[in-house]
Amino acid sequence: MSMGLMTGIAENFNIENAQAHNAMSNVTTFRDEVRMFDKLSLYSNRLANQASKVLRELKSLQAERKRRENGEMLEAVRILKLHRKHGVAFDPKAHGFVLTENRIQDEINRALIQTEAYIAGLAKNAA
């Protein structure tokens, strides 16, 4: 209300208090550009929604890739063990894997350590 009265008197504000002058200037800008602020708010909300959608999609793709890699690792472990059982060299690339034999062996070692830790925990709880 007072803004309307003030702007009716003078469009240029000559207010000595710097904070009051800034506040009145901001009010005038907002009043004159309310449609532009509405558009900015709309665009901002759309961008935020798009970003959320992209993030959900990224997380979904990452989870799918991890599931696929875990499945490939299990298959590679089985094939490596079979090759070693028969004394045959194993080339992961020849079987379509991007994994290295060392990486597959690391997975075997990790699984063995986890199994040993689990068994040790069972033995401790049984005692």
C-alpha atoms as a PDB file:
ATOM      1  CA  MET A   1       0.000   0.000   0.000  1.00  0.00           C
ATOM      2  CA  SER A   2       2.687   2.496   0.979  1.00  0.00           C
ATOM      3  CA  MET A   3       4.667   1.354  -2.072  1.00  0.00           C
ATOM      4  CA  GLY A   4       1.762   2.344  -4.288  1.00  0.00           C
ATOM      5  CA  LEU A   5       1.511   5.708  -2.601  1.00  0.00           C
ATOM      6  CA  MET A   6       5.244   6.325  -2.924  1.00  0.00           C
ATOM      7  CA  THR A   7       5.437   5.325  -6.570  1.00  0.00           C
ATOM      8  CA  GLY A   8       2.470   7.505  -7.327  1.00  0.00           C
ATOM      9  CA  ILE A   9       4.377  10.472  -5.957  1.00  0.00           C
ATOM     10  CA  ALA A  10       7.743   9.750  -7.492  1.00  0.00           C
ATOM     11  CA  GLU A  11       9.134   6.900  -9.570  1.00  0.00           C
ATOM     12  CA  ASN A  12      12.683   7.749  -8.473  1.00  0.00           C
ATOM     13  CA  PHE A  13      13.304   7.031  -4.843  1.00  0.00           C
ATOM     14  CA  ASN A  14      15.502   9.382  -2.912  1.00  0.00           C
ATOM     15  CA  ILE A  15      15.586   7.578   0.380  1.00  0.00           C
ATOM     16  CA  GLU A  16      18.582   8.388   2.561  1.00  0.00           C
ATOM     17  CA  ASN A  17      18.688   5.050   4.383  1.00  0.00           C
ATOM     18  CA  ALA A  18      20.588   2.673   2.064  1.00  0.00           C
ATOM     19  CA  GLN A  19      18.737  -0.439   3.255  1.00  0.00           C
ATOM     20  CA  ALA A  20      15.345   1.179   2.820  1.00  0.00           C
ATOM     21  CA  HIS A  21      16.362   2.465  -0.628  1.00  0.00           C
ATOM     22  CA  ASN A  22      17.483  -1.057  -1.669  1.00  0.00           C
ATOM     23  CA  ALA A  23      14.295  -2.578  -0.307  1.00  0.00           C
ATOM     24  CA  MET A  24      12.107  -0.142  -2.207  1.00  0.00           C
ATOM     25  CA  SER A  25      14.133  -0.654  -5.381  1.00  0.00           C
ATOM     26  CA  ASN A  26      13.703  -4.429  -5.032  1.00  0.00           C
ATOM     27  CA  VAL A  27       9.969  -4.066  -4.460  1.00  0.00           C
ATOM     28  CA  THR A  28       9.661  -1.907  -7.564  1.00  0.00           C
ATOM     29  CA  THR A  29      11.616  -4.411  -9.641  1.00  0.00           C
ATOM     30  CA  PHE A  30       9.526  -7.299  -8.376  1.00  0.00           C
ATOM     31  CA  ARG A  31       6.270  -5.402  -9.026  1.00  0.00           C
ATOM     32  CA  ASP A  32       7.311  -4.416 -12.526  1.00  0.00           C
ATOM     33  CA  GLU A  33       8.753  -7.819 -13.443  1.00  0.00           C
ATOM     34  CA  VAL A  34       6.376 -10.189 -11.651  1.00  0.00           C
ATOM     35  CA  ARG A  35       5.723 -12.198 -14.849  1.00  0.00           C
ATOM     36  CA  MET A  36       9.434 -12.641 -15.407  1.00  0.00           C
ATOM     37  CA  PHE A  37       9.870 -13.874 -11.826  1.00  0.00           C
ATOM     38  CA  ASP A  38       6.982 -16.308 -12.351  1.00  0.00           C
ATOM     39  CA  LYS A  39       8.696 -17.615 -15.484  1.00  0.00           C
ATOM     40  CA  LEU A  40      12.022 -17.932 -13.669  1.00  0.00           C
ATOM     41  CA  SER A  41      10.318 -19.864 -10.885  1.00  0.00           C
ATOM     42  CA  LEU A  42       8.609 -22.139 -13.410  1.00  0.00           C
ATOM     43  CA  TYR A  43      11.865 -22.734 -15.296  1.00  0.00           C
ATOM     44  CA  SER A  44      13.734 -23.365 -12.050  1.00  0.00           C
ATOM     45  CA  ASN A  45      11.165 -25.961 -10.974  1.00  0.00           C
ATOM     46  CA  ARG A  46      11.336 -27.647 -14.374  1.00  0.00           C
ATOM     47  CA  LEU A  47      15.130 -27.799 -14.209  1.00  0.00           C
ATOM     48  CA  ALA A  48      15.017 -29.235 -10.694  1.00  0.00           C
ATOM     49  CA  ASN A  49      12.506 -31.881 -11.817  1.00  0.00           C
ATOM     50  CA  GLN A  50      14.639 -32.748 -14.838  1.00  0.00           C
ATOM     51  CA  ALA A  51      17.740 -33.007 -12.645  1.00  0.00           C
ATOM     52  CA  SER A  52      15.910 -35.349 -10.258  1.00  0.00           C
ATOM     53  CA  LYS A  53      14.737 -37.481 -13.172  1.00  0.00           C
ATOM     54  CA  VAL A  54      18.253 -37.656 -14.641  1.00  0.00           C
ATOM     55  CA  LEU A  55      19.710 -38.567 -11.236  1.00  0.00           C
ATOM     56  CA  ARG A  56      17.145 -41.373 -10.776  1.00  0.00           C
ATOM     57  CA  GLU A  57      17.941 -42.647 -14.271  1.00  0.00           C
ATOM     58  CA  LEU A  58      21.693 -42.515 -13.581  1.00  0.00           C
ATOM     59  CA  LYS A  59      21.272 -44.458 -10.340  1.00  0.00           C
ATOM     60  CA  SER A  60      19.132 -47.025 -12.128  1.00  0.00           C
ATOM     61  CA  LEU A  61      21.731 -47.444 -14.878  1.00  0.00           C
ATOM     62  CA  GLN A  62      24.521 -47.762 -12.316  1.00  0.00           C
ATOM     63  CA  ALA A  63      22.582 -50.407 -10.381  1.00  0.00           C
ATOM     64  CA  GLU A  64      21.902 -52.341 -13.597  1.00  0.00           C
ATOM     65  CA  ARG A  65      25.580 -52.147 -14.579  1.00  0.00           C
ATOM     66  CA  LYS A  66      26.608 -53.397 -11.131  1.00  0.00           C
ATOM     67  CA  ARG A  67      24.165 -56.336 -11.369  1.00  0.00           C
ATOM     68  CA  ARG A  68      25.498 -57.185 -14.824  1.00  0.00           C
ATOM     69  CA  GLU A  69      29.140 -56.935 -13.669  1.00  0.00           C
ATOM     70  CA  ASN A  70      28.409 -59.133 -10.624  1.00  0.00           C
ATOM     71  CA  GLY A  71      26.803 -61.724 -12.872  1.00  0.00           C
ATOM     72  CA  GLU A  72      29.730 -61.623 -15.274  1.00  0.00           C
ATOM     73  CA  MET A  73      32.168 -61.967 -12.394  1.00  0.00           C
ATOM     74  CA  LEU A  74      30.377 -65.050 -11.062  1.00  0.00           C
ATOM     75  CA  GLU A  75      30.440 -66.596 -14.522  1.00  0.00           C
ATOM     76  CA  ALA A  76      34.122 -65.730 -15.005  1.00  0.00           C
ATOM     77  CA  VAL A  77      34.999 -67.243 -11.607  1.00  0.00           C
ATOM     78  CA  ARG A  78      33.268 -70.507 -12.549  1.00  0.00           C
ATOM     79  CA  ILE A  79      34.983 -70.677 -15.918  1.00  0.00           C
ATOM     80  CA  LEU A  80      38.414 -69.865 -14.428  1.00  0.00           C
ATOM     81  CA  LYS A  81      38.003 -72.578 -11.781  1.00  0.00           C
ATOM     82  CA  LEU A  82      36.947 -75.077 -14.444  1.00  0.00           C
ATOM     83  CA  HIS A  83      39.953 -74.220 -16.630  1.00  0.00           C
ATOM     84  CA  ARG A  84      42.307 -74.600 -13.670  1.00  0.00           C
ATOM     85  CA  LYS A  85      40.717 -77.924 -12.703  1.00  0.00           C
ATOM     86  CA  HIS A  86      41.480 -79.233 -16.198  1.00  0.00           C
ATOM     87  CA  GLY A  87      44.914 -77.576 -16.332  1.00  0.00           C
ATOM     88  CA  VAL A  88      43.932 -75.387 -19.270  1.00  0.00           C
ATOM     89  CA  ALA A  89      45.010 -71.760 -19.663  1.00  0.00           C
ATOM     90  CA  PHE A  90      42.213 -69.234 -19.309  1.00  0.00           C
ATOM     91  CA  ASP A  91      41.979 -66.077 -21.395  1.00  0.00           C
ATOM     92  CA  PRO A  92      39.021 -63.990 -20.187  1.00  0.00           C
ATOM     93  CA  LYS A  93      38.961 -61.943 -23.402  1.00  0.00           C
ATOM     94  CA  ALA A  94      38.555 -65.099 -25.470  1.00  0.00           C
ATOM     95  CA  HIS A  95      35.352 -65.743 -23.517  1.00  0.00           C
ATOM     96  CA  GLY A  96      34.054 -62.196 -23.996  1.00  0.00           C
ATOM     97  CA  PHE A  97      35.030 -60.802 -20.607  1.00  0.00           C
ATOM     98  CA  VAL A  98      36.631 -57.399 -20.068  1.00  0.00           C
ATOM     99  CA  LEU A  99      37.920 -58.698 -16.734  1.00  0.00           C
ATOM    100  CA  THR A 100      41.525 -59.743 -16.269  1.00  0.00           C
ATOM    101  CA  GLU A 101      42.517 -63.084 -14.808  1.00  0.00           C
ATOM    102  CA  ASN A 102      44.106 -61.222 -11.875  1.00  0.00           C
ATOM    103  CA  ARG A 103      40.841 -59.381 -11.168  1.00  0.00           C
ATOM    104  CA  ILE A 104      38.936 -62.670 -11.247  1.00  0.00           C
ATOM    105  CA  GLN A 105      41.493 -64.242  -8.883  1.00  0.00           C
ATOM    106  CA  ASP A 106      41.109 -61.259  -6.540  1.00  0.00           C
ATOM    107  CA  GLU A 107      37.371 -61.962  -6.435  1.00  0.00           C
ATOM    108  CA  ILE A 108      38.031 -65.624  -5.632  1.00  0.00           C
ATOM    109  CA  ASN A 109      40.412 -64.585  -2.827  1.00  0.00           C
ATOM    110  CA  ARG A 110      37.889 -62.092  -1.445  1.00  0.00           C
ATOM    111  CA  ALA A 111      35.158 -64.745  -1.397  1.00  0.00           C
ATOM    112  CA  LEU A 112      37.497 -67.176   0.385  1.00  0.00           C
ATOM    113  CA  ILE A 113      38.361 -64.598   3.048  1.00  0.00           C
ATOM    114  CA  GLN A 114      34.670 -63.817   3.563  1.00  0.00           C
ATOM    115  CA  THR A 115      33.904 -67.524   3.948  1.00  0.00           C
ATOM    116  CA  GLU A 116      36.740 -67.988   6.439  1.00  0.00           C
ATOM    117  CA  ALA A 117      35.553 -64.966   8.426  1.00  0.00           C
ATOM    118  CA  TYR A 118      32.004 -66.312   8.472  1.00  0.00           C
ATOM    119  CA  ILE A 119      33.164 -69.754   9.648  1.00  0.00           C
ATOM    120  CA  ALA A 120      35.361 -68.153  12.326  1.00  0.00           C
ATOM    121  CA  GLY A 121      32.343 -66.182  13.546  1.00  0.00           C
ATOM    122  CA  LEU A 122      30.241 -69.333  13.717  1.00  0.00           C
ATOM    123  CA  ALA A 123      32.959 -71.161  15.654  1.00  0.00           C
ATOM    124  CA  LYS A 124      33.276 -68.269  18.088  1.00  0.00           C
ATOM    125  CA  ASN A 125      29.519 -68.163  18.688  1.00  0.00           C
ATOM    126  CA  ALA A 126      29.361 -71.952  19.177  1.00  0.00           C
ATOM    127  CA  ALA A 127      32.099 -71.902  21.837  1.00  0.00           C
END
